[in-house]
PDB file of N, CA and C in Angstrom:
ATOM      1  N   MET A   1       0.834  -1.177   0.000  1.00  0.00           N
ATOM      2  CA  MET A   1       0.000   0.000   0.000  1.00  0.00           C
ATOM      3  C   MET A   1       0.879   1.240   0.000  1.00  0.00           C
ATOM      4  N   SER A   2       0.458   2.234  -0.750  1.00  0.00           N
ATOM      5  CA  SER A   2       1.217   3.473  -0.806  1.00  0.00           C
ATOM      6  C   SER A   2       0.366   4.610  -0.273  1.00  0.00           C
ATOM      7  N   ALA A   3       1.020   5.522   0.390  1.00  0.00           N
ATOM      8  CA  ALA A   3       0.319   6.695   0.909  1.00  0.00           C
ATOM      9  C   ALA A   3       0.131   7.693  -0.219  1.00  0.00           C
ATOM     10  N   THR A   4      -1.064   8.223  -0.344  1.00  0.00           N
ATOM     11  CA  THR A   4      -1.340   9.214  -1.387  1.00  0.00           C
ATOM     12  C   THR A   4      -1.696  10.525  -0.728  1.00  0.00           C
ATOM     13  N   SER A   5      -1.405  11.584  -1.437  1.00  0.00           N
ATOM     14  CA  SER A   5      -1.737  12.909  -0.922  1.00  0.00           C
ATOM     15  C   SER A   5      -3.201  13.200  -1.216  1.00  0.00           C
ATOM     16  N   GLY A   6      -3.658  14.393  -0.783  1.00  0.00           N
ATOM     17  CA  GLY A   6      -5.052  14.772  -0.954  1.00  0.00           C
ATOM     18  C   GLY A   6      -5.461  14.841  -2.410  1.00  0.00           C
ATOM     19  N   THR A   7      -4.579  15.279  -3.278  1.00  0.00           N
ATOM     20  CA  THR A   7      -4.877  15.326  -4.701  1.00  0.00           C
ATOM     21  C   THR A   7      -3.879  14.447  -5.428  1.00  0.00           C
ATOM     22  N   GLN A   8      -4.385  13.554  -6.238  1.00  0.00           N
ATOM     23  CA  GLN A   8      -3.514  12.641  -6.967  1.00  0.00           C
ATOM     24  C   GLN A   8      -3.527  13.045  -8.433  1.00  0.00           C
ATOM     25  N   THR A   9      -2.354  13.150  -9.016  1.00  0.00           N
ATOM     26  CA  THR A   9      -2.264  13.554 -10.411  1.00  0.00           C
ATOM     27  C   THR A   9      -2.618  12.377 -11.303  1.00  0.00           C
ATOM     28  N   THR A  10      -3.284  12.709 -12.381  1.00  0.00           N
ATOM     29  CA  THR A  10      -3.608  11.690 -13.358  1.00  0.00           C
ATOM     30  C   THR A  10      -2.603  11.774 -14.495  1.00  0.00           C
ATOM     31  N   ARG A  11      -2.626  10.786 -15.343  1.00  0.00           N
ATOM     32  CA  ARG A  11      -1.640  10.789 -16.430  1.00  0.00           C
ATOM     33  C   ARG A  11      -1.973  11.822 -17.499  1.00  0.00           C
ATOM     34  N   PHE A  12      -3.192  12.336 -17.503  1.00  0.00           N
ATOM     35  CA  PHE A  12      -3.583  13.306 -18.524  1.00  0.00           C
ATOM     36  C   PHE A  12      -3.443  14.753 -18.059  1.00  0.00           C
ATOM     37  N   ASP A  13      -2.951  14.965 -16.829  1.00  0.00           N
ATOM     38  CA  ASP A  13      -2.801  16.332 -16.334  1.00  0.00           C
ATOM     39  C   ASP A  13      -1.846  17.148 -17.199  1.00  0.00           C
ATOM     40  N   THR A  14      -0.776  16.542 -17.645  1.00  0.00           N
ATOM     41  CA  THR A  14       0.183  17.264 -18.494  1.00  0.00           C
ATOM     42  C   THR A  14      -0.487  17.703 -19.790  1.00  0.00           C
ATOM     43  N   VAL A  15      -1.290  16.827 -20.359  1.00  0.00           N
ATOM     44  CA  VAL A  15      -2.005  17.166 -21.600  1.00  0.00           C
ATOM     45  C   VAL A  15      -2.977  18.311 -21.342  1.00  0.00           C
ATOM     46  N   LYS A  16      -3.649  18.279 -20.214  1.00  0.00           N
ATOM     47  CA  LYS A  16      -4.597  19.345 -19.881  1.00  0.00           C
ATOM     48  C   LYS A  16      -3.881  20.686 -19.711  1.00  0.00           C
ATOM     49  N   TRP A  17      -2.702  20.676 -19.067  1.00  0.00           N
ATOM     50  CA  TRP A  17      -1.954  21.916 -18.901  1.00  0.00           C
ATOM     51  C   TRP A  17      -1.443  22.432 -20.245  1.00  0.00           C
ATOM     52  N   ILE A  18      -1.100  21.537 -21.142  1.00  0.00           N
ATOM     53  CA  ILE A  18      -0.694  21.950 -22.498  1.00  0.00           C
ATOM     54  C   ILE A  18      -1.871  22.591 -23.218  1.00  0.00           C
ATOM     55  N   ILE A  19      -3.062  22.027 -23.036  1.00  0.00           N
ATOM     56  CA  ILE A  19      -4.264  22.613 -23.651  1.00  0.00           C
ATOM     57  C   ILE A  19      -4.516  24.009 -23.089  1.00  0.00           C
ATOM     58  N   VAL A  20      -4.348  24.170 -21.774  1.00  0.00           N
ATOM     59  CA  VAL A  20      -4.541  25.492 -21.151  1.00  0.00           C
ATOM     60  C   VAL A  20      -3.529  26.487 -21.712  1.00  0.00           C
ATOM     61  N   ALA A  21      -2.274  26.082 -21.824  1.00  0.00           N
ATOM     62  CA  ALA A  21      -1.249  26.969 -22.380  1.00  0.00           C
ATOM     63  C   ALA A  21      -1.584  27.327 -23.823  1.00  0.00           C
ATOM     64  N   ALA A  22      -2.059  26.350 -24.599  1.00  0.00           N
ATOM     65  CA  ALA A  22      -2.426  26.621 -25.989  1.00  0.00           C
ATOM     66  C   ALA A  22      -3.592  27.595 -26.063  1.00  0.00           C
ATOM     67  N   LEU A  23      -4.557  27.462 -25.154  1.00  0.00           N
ATOM     68  CA  LEU A  23      -5.685  28.395 -25.143  1.00  0.00           C
ATOM     69  C   LEU A  23      -5.232  29.810 -24.808  1.00  0.00           C
ATOM     70  N   VAL A  24      -4.334  29.943 -23.839  1.00  0.00           N
ATOM     71  CA  VAL A  24      -3.825  31.275 -23.468  1.00  0.00           C
ATOM     72  C   VAL A  24      -3.055  31.890 -24.635  1.00  0.00           C
ATOM     73  N   ILE A  25      -2.202  31.080 -25.261  1.00  0.00           N
ATOM     74  CA  ILE A  25      -1.446  31.579 -26.413  1.00  0.00           C
ATOM     75  C   ILE A  25      -2.383  31.954 -27.547  1.00  0.00           C
ATOM     76  N   ALA A  26      -3.406  31.130 -27.780  1.00  0.00           N
ATOM     77  CA  ALA A  26      -4.381  31.435 -28.838  1.00  0.00           C
ATOM     78  C   ALA A  26      -5.111  32.741 -28.547  1.00  0.00           C
ATOM     79  N   GLY A  27      -5.427  32.987 -27.271  1.00  0.00           N
ATOM     80  CA  GLY A  27      -6.090  34.241 -26.909  1.00  0.00           C
ATOM     81  C   GLY A  27      -5.210  35.445 -27.152  1.00  0.00           C
ATOM     82  N   VAL A  28      -3.942  35.345 -26.781  1.00  0.00           N
ATOM     83  CA  VAL A  28      -3.018  36.467 -26.963  1.00  0.00           C
ATOM     84  C   VAL A  28      -2.776  36.726 -28.447  1.00  0.00           C
ATOM     85  N   VAL A  29      -2.499  35.661 -29.199  1.00  0.00           N
ATOM     86  CA  VAL A  29      -2.229  35.810 -30.627  1.00  0.00           C
ATOM     87  C   VAL A  29      -3.488  36.281 -31.357  1.00  0.00           C
ATOM     88  N   GLY A  30      -4.624  35.685 -31.001  1.00  0.00           N
ATOM     89  CA  GLY A  30      -5.882  36.087 -31.645  1.00  0.00           C
ATOM     90  C   GLY A  30      -6.226  37.536 -31.391  1.00  0.00           C
ATOM     91  N   ASN A  31      -5.978  38.007 -30.177  1.00  0.00           N
ATOM     92  CA  ASN A  31      -6.238  39.408 -29.867  1.00  0.00           C
ATOM     93  C   ASN A  31      -5.341  40.322 -30.690  1.00  0.00           C
ATOM     94  N   SER A  32      -4.125  39.888 -30.920  1.00  0.00           N
ATOM     95  CA  SER A  32      -3.201  40.683 -31.723  1.00  0.00           C
ATOM     96  C   SER A  32      -3.560  40.642 -33.200  1.00  0.00           C
ATOM     97  N   VAL A  33      -3.884  39.454 -33.697  1.00  0.00           N
ATOM     98  CA  VAL A  33      -4.199  39.302 -35.127  1.00  0.00           C
ATOM     99  C   VAL A  33      -5.482  40.043 -35.484  1.00  0.00           C
ATOM    100  N   TYR A  34      -6.474  39.959 -34.607  1.00  0.00           N
ATOM    101  CA  TYR A  34      -7.760  40.590 -34.893  1.00  0.00           C
ATOM    102  C   TYR A  34      -7.889  41.957 -34.220  1.00  0.00           C
ATOM    103  N   SER A  35      -6.796  42.693 -34.156  1.00  0.00           N
ATOM    104  CA  SER A  35      -6.823  44.006 -33.516  1.00  0.00           C
ATOM    105  C   SER A  35      -7.687  45.008 -34.275  1.00  0.00           C
ATOM    106  N   ASP A  36      -7.984  44.726 -35.534  1.00  0.00           N
ATOM    107  CA  ASP A  36      -8.836  45.625 -36.307  1.00  0.00           C
ATOM    108  C   ASP A  36     -10.321  45.406 -36.005  1.00  0.00           C
ATOM    109  N   GLN A  37     -10.654  44.331 -35.310  1.00  0.00           N
ATOM    110  CA  GLN A  37     -12.044  44.051 -34.948  1.00  0.00           C
ATOM    111  C   GLN A  37     -12.458  44.878 -33.736  1.00  0.00           C
ATOM    112  N   SER A  38     -13.746  44.894 -33.476  1.00  0.00           N
ATOM    113  CA  SER A  38     -14.280  45.653 -32.349  1.00  0.00           C
ATOM    114  C   SER A  38     -13.722  45.130 -31.023  1.00  0.00           C
ATOM    115  N   LEU A  39     -13.467  46.044 -30.111  1.00  0.00           N
ATOM    116  CA  LEU A  39     -12.956  45.681 -28.794  1.00  0.00           C
ATOM    117  C   LEU A  39     -13.952  44.786 -28.054  1.00  0.00           C
ATOM    118  N   LEU A  40     -15.228  45.023 -28.257  1.00  0.00           N
ATOM    119  CA  LEU A  40     -16.250  44.217 -27.610  1.00  0.00           C
ATOM    120  C   LEU A  40     -16.142  42.757 -28.032  1.00  0.00           C
ATOM    121  N   TYR A  41     -15.993  42.505 -29.328  1.00  0.00           N
ATOM    122  CA  TYR A  41     -15.904  41.129 -29.815  1.00  0.00           C
ATOM    123  C   TYR A  41     -14.634  40.448 -29.318  1.00  0.00           C
ATOM    124  N   ARG A  42     -13.540  41.182 -29.327  1.00  0.00           N
ATOM    125  CA  ARG A  42     -12.284  40.603 -28.845  1.00  0.00           C
ATOM    126  C   ARG A  42     -12.368  40.291 -27.354  1.00  0.00           C
ATOM    127  N   THR A  43     -12.991  41.184 -26.583  1.00  0.00           N
ATOM    128  CA  THR A  43     -13.146  40.953 -25.150  1.00  0.00           C
ATOM    129  C   THR A  43     -14.031  39.745 -24.889  1.00  0.00           C
ATOM    130  N   LEU A  44     -15.135  39.641 -25.616  1.00  0.00           N
ATOM    131  CA  LEU A  44     -16.012  38.482 -25.453  1.00  0.00           C
ATOM    132  C   LEU A  44     -15.299  37.184 -25.810  1.00  0.00           C
ATOM    133  N   ALA A  45     -14.496  37.216 -26.866  1.00  0.00           N
ATOM    134  CA  ALA A  45     -13.743  36.025 -27.253  1.00  0.00           C
ATOM    135  C   ALA A  45     -12.727  35.659 -26.173  1.00  0.00           C
ATOM    136  N   LEU A  46     -12.039  36.652 -25.611  1.00  0.00           N
ATOM    137  CA  LEU A  46     -11.067  36.379 -24.554  1.00  0.00           C
ATOM    138  C   LEU A  46     -11.739  35.841 -23.294  1.00  0.00           C
ATOM    139  N   VAL A  47     -12.911  36.357 -22.968  1.00  0.00           N
ATOM    140  CA  VAL A  47     -13.643  35.850 -21.805  1.00  0.00           C
ATOM    141  C   VAL A  47     -14.056  34.401 -22.037  1.00  0.00           C
ATOM    142  N   ALA A  48     -14.521  34.085 -23.262  1.00  0.00           N
ATOM    143  CA  ALA A  48     -14.910  32.715 -23.582  1.00  0.00           C
ATOM    144  C   ALA A  48     -13.706  31.774 -23.512  1.00  0.00           C
ATOM    145  N   ILE A  49     -12.569  32.207 -24.064  1.00  0.00           N
ATOM    146  CA  ILE A  49     -11.357  31.380 -24.016  1.00  0.00           C
ATOM    147  C   ILE A  49     -10.906  31.195 -22.569  1.00  0.00           C
ATOM    148  N   ALA A  50     -10.982  32.244 -21.769  1.00  0.00           N
ATOM    149  CA  ALA A  50     -10.595  32.146 -20.359  1.00  0.00           C
ATOM    150  C   ALA A  50     -11.518  31.189 -19.607  1.00  0.00           C
ATOM    151  N   ALA A  51     -12.803  31.211 -19.928  1.00  0.00           N
ATOM    152  CA  ALA A  51     -13.742  30.295 -19.267  1.00  0.00           C
ATOM    153  C   ALA A  51     -13.424  28.848 -19.623  1.00  0.00           C
ATOM    154  N   VAL A  52     -13.118  28.587 -20.883  1.00  0.00           N
ATOM    155  CA  VAL A  52     -12.773  27.223 -21.297  1.00  0.00           C
ATOM    156  C   VAL A  52     -11.462  26.802 -20.622  1.00  0.00           C
ATOM    157  N   ALA A  53     -10.483  27.706 -20.581  1.00  0.00           N
ATOM    158  CA  ALA A  53      -9.210  27.387 -19.943  1.00  0.00           C
ATOM    159  C   ALA A  53      -9.411  27.116 -18.453  1.00  0.00           C
ATOM    160  N   LEU A  54     -10.244  27.898 -17.792  1.00  0.00           N
ATOM    161  CA  LEU A  54     -10.526  27.682 -16.377  1.00  0.00           C
ATOM    162  C   LEU A  54     -11.211  26.336 -16.163  1.00  0.00           C
ATOM    163  N   PHE A  55     -12.125  25.987 -17.054  1.00  0.00           N
ATOM    164  CA  PHE A  55     -12.794  24.695 -16.962  1.00  0.00           C
ATOM    165  C   PHE A  55     -11.789  23.558 -17.074  1.00  0.00           C
ATOM    166  N   VAL A  56     -10.846  23.680 -18.008  1.00  0.00           N
ATOM    167  CA  VAL A  56      -9.829  22.643 -18.184  1.00  0.00           C
ATOM    168  C   VAL A  56      -8.907  22.592 -16.966  1.00  0.00           C
ATOM    169  N   VAL A  57      -8.548  23.759 -16.423  1.00  0.00           N
ATOM    170  CA  VAL A  57      -7.682  23.798 -15.238  1.00  0.00           C
ATOM    171  C   VAL A  57      -8.363  23.094 -14.070  1.00  0.00           C
ATOM    172  N   LEU A  58      -9.662  23.311 -13.900  1.00  0.00           N
ATOM    173  CA  LEU A  58     -10.374  22.697 -12.790  1.00  0.00           C
ATOM    174  C   LEU A  58     -10.469  21.180 -12.925  1.00  0.00           C
ATOM    175  N   GLN A  59     -10.197  20.648 -14.094  1.00  0.00           N
ATOM    176  CA  GLN A  59     -10.218  19.205 -14.298  1.00  0.00           C
ATOM    177  C   GLN A  59      -8.899  18.553 -13.884  1.00  0.00           C
ATOM    178  N   THR A  60      -7.861  19.348 -13.633  1.00  0.00           N
ATOM    179  CA  THR A  60      -6.568  18.795 -13.230  1.00  0.00           C
ATOM    180  C   THR A  60      -6.535  18.616 -11.713  1.00  0.00           C
ATOM    181  N   ALA A  61      -5.534  17.905 -11.234  1.00  0.00           N
ATOM    182  CA  ALA A  61      -5.399  17.675  -9.792  1.00  0.00           C
ATOM    183  C   ALA A  61      -5.102  18.978  -9.057  1.00  0.00           C
ATOM    184  N   LYS A  62      -4.178  19.777  -9.581  1.00  0.00           N
ATOM    185  CA  LYS A  62      -3.861  21.060  -8.937  1.00  0.00           C
ATOM    186  C   LYS A  62      -5.053  22.010  -8.998  1.00  0.00           C
ATOM    187  N   GLY A  63      -5.746  22.022 -10.120  1.00  0.00           N
ATOM    188  CA  GLY A  63      -6.908  22.892 -10.260  1.00  0.00           C
ATOM    189  C   GLY A  63      -8.006  22.546  -9.278  1.00  0.00           C
ATOM    190  N   SER A  64      -8.251  21.252  -9.081  1.00  0.00           N
ATOM    191  CA  SER A  64      -9.272  20.862  -8.111  1.00  0.00           C
ATOM    192  C   SER A  64      -8.812  21.202  -6.685  1.00  0.00           C
ATOM    193  N   GLY A  65      -7.504  21.123  -6.445  1.00  0.00           N
ATOM    194  CA  GLY A  65      -6.977  21.543  -5.142  1.00  0.00           C
ATOM    195  C   GLY A  65      -7.178  23.031  -4.907  1.00  0.00           C
ATOM    196  N   TRP A  66      -6.963  23.825  -5.946  1.00  0.00           N
ATOM    197  CA  TRP A  66      -7.210  25.268  -5.840  1.00  0.00           C
ATOM    198  C   TRP A  66      -8.679  25.545  -5.568  1.00  0.00           C
ATOM    199  N   ALA A  67      -9.556  24.792  -6.237  1.00  0.00           N
ATOM    200  CA  ALA A  67     -10.989  24.994  -6.038  1.00  0.00           C
ATOM    201  C   ALA A  67     -11.386  24.674  -4.603  1.00  0.00           C
ATOM    202  N   VAL A  68     -10.824  23.609  -4.051  1.00  0.00           N
ATOM    203  CA  VAL A  68     -11.114  23.251  -2.664  1.00  0.00           C
ATOM    204  C   VAL A  68     -10.600  24.338  -1.725  1.00  0.00           C
ATOM    205  N   SER A  69      -9.406  24.848  -1.977  1.00  0.00           N
ATOM    206  CA  SER A  69      -8.844  25.917  -1.142  1.00  0.00           C
ATOM    207  C   SER A  69      -9.713  27.170  -1.216  1.00  0.00           C
ATOM    208  N   PHE A  70     -10.190  27.496  -2.411  1.00  0.00           N
ATOM    209  CA  PHE A  70     -11.044  28.665  -2.586  1.00  0.00           C
ATOM    210  C   PHE A  70     -12.350  28.495  -1.812  1.00  0.00           C
ATOM    211  N   LYS A  71     -12.947  27.310  -1.867  1.00  0.00           N
ATOM    212  CA  LYS A  71     -14.193  27.058  -1.129  1.00  0.00           C
ATOM    213  C   LYS A  71     -13.969  27.157   0.373  1.00  0.00           C
ATOM    214  N   GLU A  72     -12.835  26.627   0.858  1.00  0.00           N
ATOM    215  CA  GLU A  72     -12.535  26.723   2.277  1.00  0.00           C
ATOM    216  C   GLU A  72     -12.289  28.168   2.704  1.00  0.00           C
ATOM    217  N   ALA A  73     -11.641  28.943   1.847  1.00  0.00           N
ATOM    218  CA  ALA A  73     -11.400  30.355   2.160  1.00  0.00           C
ATOM    219  C   ALA A  73     -12.725  31.115   2.246  1.00  0.00           C
ATOM    220  N   ARG A  74     -13.632  30.821   1.338  1.00  0.00           N
ATOM    221  CA  ARG A  74     -14.953  31.473   1.394  1.00  0.00           C
ATOM    222  C   ARG A  74     -15.687  31.103   2.672  1.00  0.00           C
ATOM    223  N   LYS A  75     -15.544  29.852   3.088  1.00  0.00           N
ATOM    224  CA  LYS A  75     -16.180  29.405   4.324  1.00  0.00           C
ATOM    225  C   LYS A  75     -15.608  30.159   5.521  1.00  0.00           C
ATOM    226  N   GLU A  76     -14.286  30.378   5.532  1.00  0.00           N
ATOM    227  CA  GLU A  76     -13.653  31.102   6.627  1.00  0.00           C
ATOM    228  C   GLU A  76     -14.043  32.580   6.625  1.00  0.00           C
ATOM    229  N   ILE A  77     -14.208  33.157   5.437  1.00  0.00           N
ATOM    230  CA  ILE A  77     -14.610  34.570   5.353  1.00  0.00           C
ATOM    231  C   ILE A  77     -15.986  34.774   5.968  1.00  0.00           C
ATOM    232  N   ARG A  78     -16.864  33.784   5.806  1.00  0.00           N
ATOM    233  CA  ARG A  78     -18.208  33.901   6.394  1.00  0.00           C
ATOM    234  C   ARG A  78     -18.152  33.913   7.920  1.00  0.00           C
ATOM    235  N   LYS A  79     -17.095  33.362   8.508  1.00  0.00           N
ATOM    236  CA  LYS A  79     -16.971  33.311   9.961  1.00  0.00           C
ATOM    237  C   LYS A  79     -16.454  34.619  10.553  1.00  0.00           C
ATOM    238  N   VAL A  80     -15.923  35.496   9.726  1.00  0.00           N
ATOM    239  CA  VAL A  80     -15.337  36.743  10.208  1.00  0.00           C
ATOM    240  C   VAL A  80     -16.448  37.668  10.704  1.00  0.00           C
ATOM    241  N   VAL A  81     -16.201  38.301  11.838  1.00  0.00           N
ATOM    242  CA  VAL A  81     -17.139  39.292  12.359  1.00  0.00           C
ATOM    243  C   VAL A  81     -16.713  40.643  11.804  1.00  0.00           C
ATOM    244  N   TRP A  82     -17.496  41.176  10.880  1.00  0.00           N
ATOM    245  CA  TRP A  82     -17.147  42.430  10.231  1.00  0.00           C
ATOM    246  C   TRP A  82     -17.629  43.594  11.085  1.00  0.00           C
ATOM    247  N   PRO A  83     -16.889  44.704  11.108  1.00  0.00           N
ATOM    248  CA  PRO A  83     -17.312  45.860  11.914  1.00  0.00           C
ATOM    249  C   PRO A  83     -18.543  46.530  11.307  1.00  0.00           C
ATOM    250  N   ASN A  84     -19.322  47.144  12.180  1.00  0.00           N
ATOM    251  CA  ASN A  84     -20.494  47.862  11.668  1.00  0.00           C
ATOM    252  C   ASN A  84     -20.067  49.244  11.190  1.00  0.00           C
ATOM    253  N   ARG A  85     -21.030  50.020  10.721  1.00  0.00           N
ATOM    254  CA  ARG A  85     -20.722  51.321  10.127  1.00  0.00           C
ATOM    255  C   ARG A  85     -20.086  52.269  11.132  1.00  0.00           C
ATOM    256  N   GLN A  86     -20.606  52.279  12.365  1.00  0.00           N
ATOM    257  CA  GLN A  86     -20.070  53.189  13.379  1.00  0.00           C
ATOM    258  C   GLN A  86     -18.617  52.838  13.711  1.00  0.00           C
ATOM    259  N   GLU A  87     -18.309  51.575  13.887  1.00  0.00           N
ATOM    260  CA  GLU A  87     -16.935  51.170  14.191  1.00  0.00           C
ATOM    261  C   GLU A  87     -15.995  51.516  13.036  1.00  0.00           C
ATOM    262  N   THR A  88     -16.457  51.314  11.812  1.00  0.00           N
ATOM    263  CA  THR A  88     -15.637  51.635  10.646  1.00  0.00           C
ATOM    264  C   THR A  88     -15.368  53.138  10.577  1.00  0.00           C
ATOM    265  N   THR A  89     -16.388  53.947  10.816  1.00  0.00           N
ATOM    266  CA  THR A  89     -16.224  55.404  10.789  1.00  0.00           C
ATOM    267  C   THR A  89     -15.261  55.867  11.876  1.00  0.00           C
ATOM    268  N   GLN A  90     -15.416  55.330  13.085  1.00  0.00           N
ATOM    269  CA  GLN A  90     -14.529  55.733  14.177  1.00  0.00           C
ATOM    270  C   GLN A  90     -13.082  55.342  13.893  1.00  0.00           C
ATOM    271  N   THR A  91     -12.874  54.144  13.386  1.00  0.00           N
ATOM    272  CA  THR A  91     -11.515  53.698  13.081  1.00  0.00           C
ATOM    273  C   THR A  91     -10.907  54.553  11.981  1.00  0.00           C
ATOM    274  N   THR A  92     -11.699  54.874  10.971  1.00  0.00           N
ATOM    275  CA  THR A  92     -11.205  55.712   9.884  1.00  0.00           C
ATOM    276  C   THR A  92     -10.818  57.093  10.395  1.00  0.00           C
ATOM    277  N   LEU A  93     -11.640  57.668  11.257  1.00  0.00           N
ATOM    278  CA  LEU A  93     -11.321  58.989  11.808  1.00  0.00           C
ATOM    279  C   LEU A  93     -10.056  58.946  12.658  1.00  0.00           C
ATOM    280  N   ILE A  94      -9.875  57.889  13.434  1.00  0.00           N
ATOM    281  CA  ILE A  94      -8.658  57.752  14.238  1.00  0.00           C
ATOM    282  C   ILE A  94      -7.437  57.692  13.330  1.00  0.00           C
ATOM    283  N   VAL A  95      -7.529  56.927  12.254  1.00  0.00           N
ATOM    284  CA  VAL A  95      -6.401  56.815  11.322  1.00  0.00           C
ATOM    285  C   VAL A  95      -6.107  58.166  10.683  1.00  0.00           C
ATOM    286  N   VAL A  96      -7.132  58.897  10.264  1.00  0.00           N
ATOM    287  CA  VAL A  96      -6.939  60.206   9.629  1.00  0.00           C
ATOM    288  C   VAL A  96      -6.277  61.177  10.612  1.00  0.00           C
ATOM    289  N   VAL A  97      -6.725  61.185  11.863  1.00  0.00           N
ATOM    290  CA  VAL A  97      -6.158  62.092  12.867  1.00  0.00           C
ATOM    291  C   VAL A  97      -4.696  61.746  13.130  1.00  0.00           C
ATOM    292  N   VAL A  98      -4.387  60.464  13.275  1.00  0.00           N
ATOM    293  CA  VAL A  98      -3.006  60.055  13.537  1.00  0.00           C
ATOM    294  C   VAL A  98      -2.112  60.423  12.352  1.00  0.00           C
ATOM    295  N   VAL A  99      -2.597  60.211  11.145  1.00  0.00           N
ATOM    296  CA  VAL A  99      -1.808  60.566   9.955  1.00  0.00           C
ATOM    297  C   VAL A  99      -1.576  62.073   9.919  1.00  0.00           C
ATOM    298  N   PHE A 100      -2.592  62.860  10.251  1.00  0.00           N
ATOM    299  CA  PHE A 100      -2.446  64.318  10.253  1.00  0.00           C
ATOM    300  C   PHE A 100      -1.428  64.760  11.305  1.00  0.00           C
ATOM    301  N   ILE A 101      -1.494  64.155  12.502  1.00  0.00           N
ATOM    302  CA  ILE A 101      -0.544  64.508  13.561  1.00  0.00           C
ATOM    303  C   ILE A 101       0.879  64.133  13.141  1.00  0.00           C
ATOM    304  N   MET A 102       1.044  62.943  12.561  1.00  0.00           N
ATOM    305  CA  MET A 102       2.375  62.527  12.103  1.00  0.00           C
ATOM    306  C   MET A 102       2.881  63.455  10.997  1.00  0.00           C
ATOM    307  N   ALA A 103       1.985  63.882  10.113  1.00  0.00           N
ATOM    308  CA  ALA A 103       2.386  64.802   9.051  1.00  0.00           C
ATOM    309  C   ALA A 103       2.876  66.118   9.647  1.00  0.00           C
ATOM    310  N   LEU A 104       2.175  66.621  10.661  1.00  0.00           N
ATOM    311  CA  LEU A 104       2.610  67.856  11.318  1.00  0.00           C
ATOM    312  C   LEU A 104       3.955  67.680  12.014  1.00  0.00           C
ATOM    313  N   LEU A 105       4.139  66.540  12.687  1.00  0.00           N
ATOM    314  CA  LEU A 105       5.419  66.290  13.358  1.00  0.00           C
ATOM    315  C   LEU A 105       6.559  66.195  12.342  1.00  0.00           C
ATOM    316  N   LEU A 106       6.341  65.497  11.264  1.00  0.00           N
ATOM    317  CA  LEU A 106       7.384  65.376  10.242  1.00  0.00           C
ATOM    318  C   LEU A 106       7.660  66.719   9.564  1.00  0.00           C
ATOM    319  N   TRP A 107       6.619  67.509   9.338  1.00  0.00           N
ATOM    320  CA  TRP A 107       6.810  68.834   8.766  1.00  0.00           C
ATOM    321  C   TRP A 107       7.633  69.703   9.710  1.00  0.00           C
ATOM    322  N   GLY A 108       7.314  69.646  11.009  1.00  0.00           N
ATOM    323  CA  GLY A 108       8.076  70.421  11.990  1.00  0.00           C
ATOM    324  C   GLY A 108       9.523  69.965  12.062  1.00  0.00           C
ATOM    325  N   LEU A 109       9.747  68.657  12.068  1.00  0.00           N
ATOM    326  CA  LEU A 109      11.111  68.131  12.096  1.00  0.00           C
ATOM    327  C   LEU A 109      11.869  68.534  10.841  1.00  0.00           C
ATOM    328  N   ASP A 110      11.216  68.456   9.691  1.00  0.00           N
ATOM    329  CA  ASP A 110      11.858  68.854   8.440  1.00  0.00           C
ATOM    330  C   ASP A 110      12.189  70.347   8.448  1.00  0.00           C
ATOM    331  N   SER A 111      11.281  71.160   8.941  1.00  0.00           N
ATOM    332  CA  SER A 111      11.533  72.602   8.999  1.00  0.00           C
ATOM    333  C   SER A 111      12.699  72.912   9.940  1.00  0.00           C
ATOM    334  N   PHE A 112      12.717  72.242  11.091  1.00  0.00           N
ATOM    335  CA  PHE A 112      13.809  72.468  12.048  1.00  0.00           C
ATOM    336  C   PHE A 112      15.146  72.044  11.459  1.00  0.00           C
ATOM    337  N   LEU A 113      15.199  70.860  10.849  1.00  0.00           N
ATOM    338  CA  LEU A 113      16.448  70.394  10.261  1.00  0.00           C
ATOM    339  C   LEU A 113      16.888  71.283   9.103  1.00  0.00           C
ATOM    340  N   SER A 114      15.934  71.765   8.320  1.00  0.00           N
ATOM    341  CA  SER A 114      16.256  72.667   7.213  1.00  0.00           C
ATOM    342  C   SER A 114      16.838  73.971   7.774  1.00  0.00           C
ATOM    343  N   TRP A 115      16.224  74.503   8.832  1.00  0.00           N
ATOM    344  CA  TRP A 115      16.732  75.723   9.456  1.00  0.00           C
ATOM    345  C   TRP A 115      18.131  75.494  10.032  1.00  0.00           C
ATOM    346  N   ALA A 116      18.341  74.340  10.692  1.00  0.00           N
ATOM    347  CA  ALA A 116      19.622  74.040  11.314  1.00  0.00           C
ATOM    348  C   ALA A 116      20.722  73.906  10.258  1.00  0.00           C
ATOM    349  N   VAL A 117      20.421  73.228   9.173  1.00  0.00           N
ATOM    350  CA  VAL A 117      21.430  73.047   8.119  1.00  0.00           C
ATOM    351  C   VAL A 117      21.726  74.384   7.447  1.00  0.00           C
ATOM    352  N   SER A 118      20.708  75.172   7.173  1.00  0.00           N
ATOM    353  CA  SER A 118      20.942  76.460   6.522  1.00  0.00           C
ATOM    354  C   SER A 118      21.705  77.406   7.458  1.00  0.00           C
ATOM    355  N   SER A 119      21.515  77.283   8.759  1.00  0.00           N
ATOM    356  CA  SER A 119      22.263  78.098   9.729  1.00  0.00           C
ATOM    357  C   SER A 119      23.742  77.695   9.724  1.00  0.00           C
ATOM    358  N   LEU A 120      24.008  76.400   9.645  1.00  0.00           N
ATOM    359  CA  LEU A 120      25.375  75.921   9.651  1.00  0.00           C
ATOM    360  C   LEU A 120      26.102  76.264   8.360  1.00  0.00           C
ATOM    361  N   ILE A 121      25.390  76.143   7.252  1.00  0.00           N
ATOM    362  CA  ILE A 121      26.017  76.398   5.963  1.00  0.00           C
ATOM    363  C   ILE A 121      26.215  77.893   5.755  1.00  0.00           C
ATOM    364  N   GLY A 122      25.268  78.652   6.162  1.00  0.00           N
ATOM    365  CA  GLY A 122      25.523  80.071   6.094  1.00  0.00           C
ATOM    366  C   GLY A 122      24.534  80.829   5.347  1.00  0.00           C
TER     367      GLY A 122
END
């Protein structure tokens, strides 16, 4: 018996990645070749090619692993307690005040150092 990891690669994964690379190259070359066409049509074609490439990527072992990680990340985001409007406003105001105070301190330090250097130089 052999120990296997969570995602096991199949023998066709390399072929699938080659197909994805070919789709990306086809999108880039096609966008360049058909540059005289409408931007809307080229964008729609690139979106369609990207969707097909994403579908092929999700069929690979690494792609399915990414999909699982993405689903778990979404699950964790739902657990986060987000601040309400009042907390967000108060935090933003605190940050703005601290930045303003630091700006004044740095301006004062810069003015003092400029005065000191100009006094020494003459």
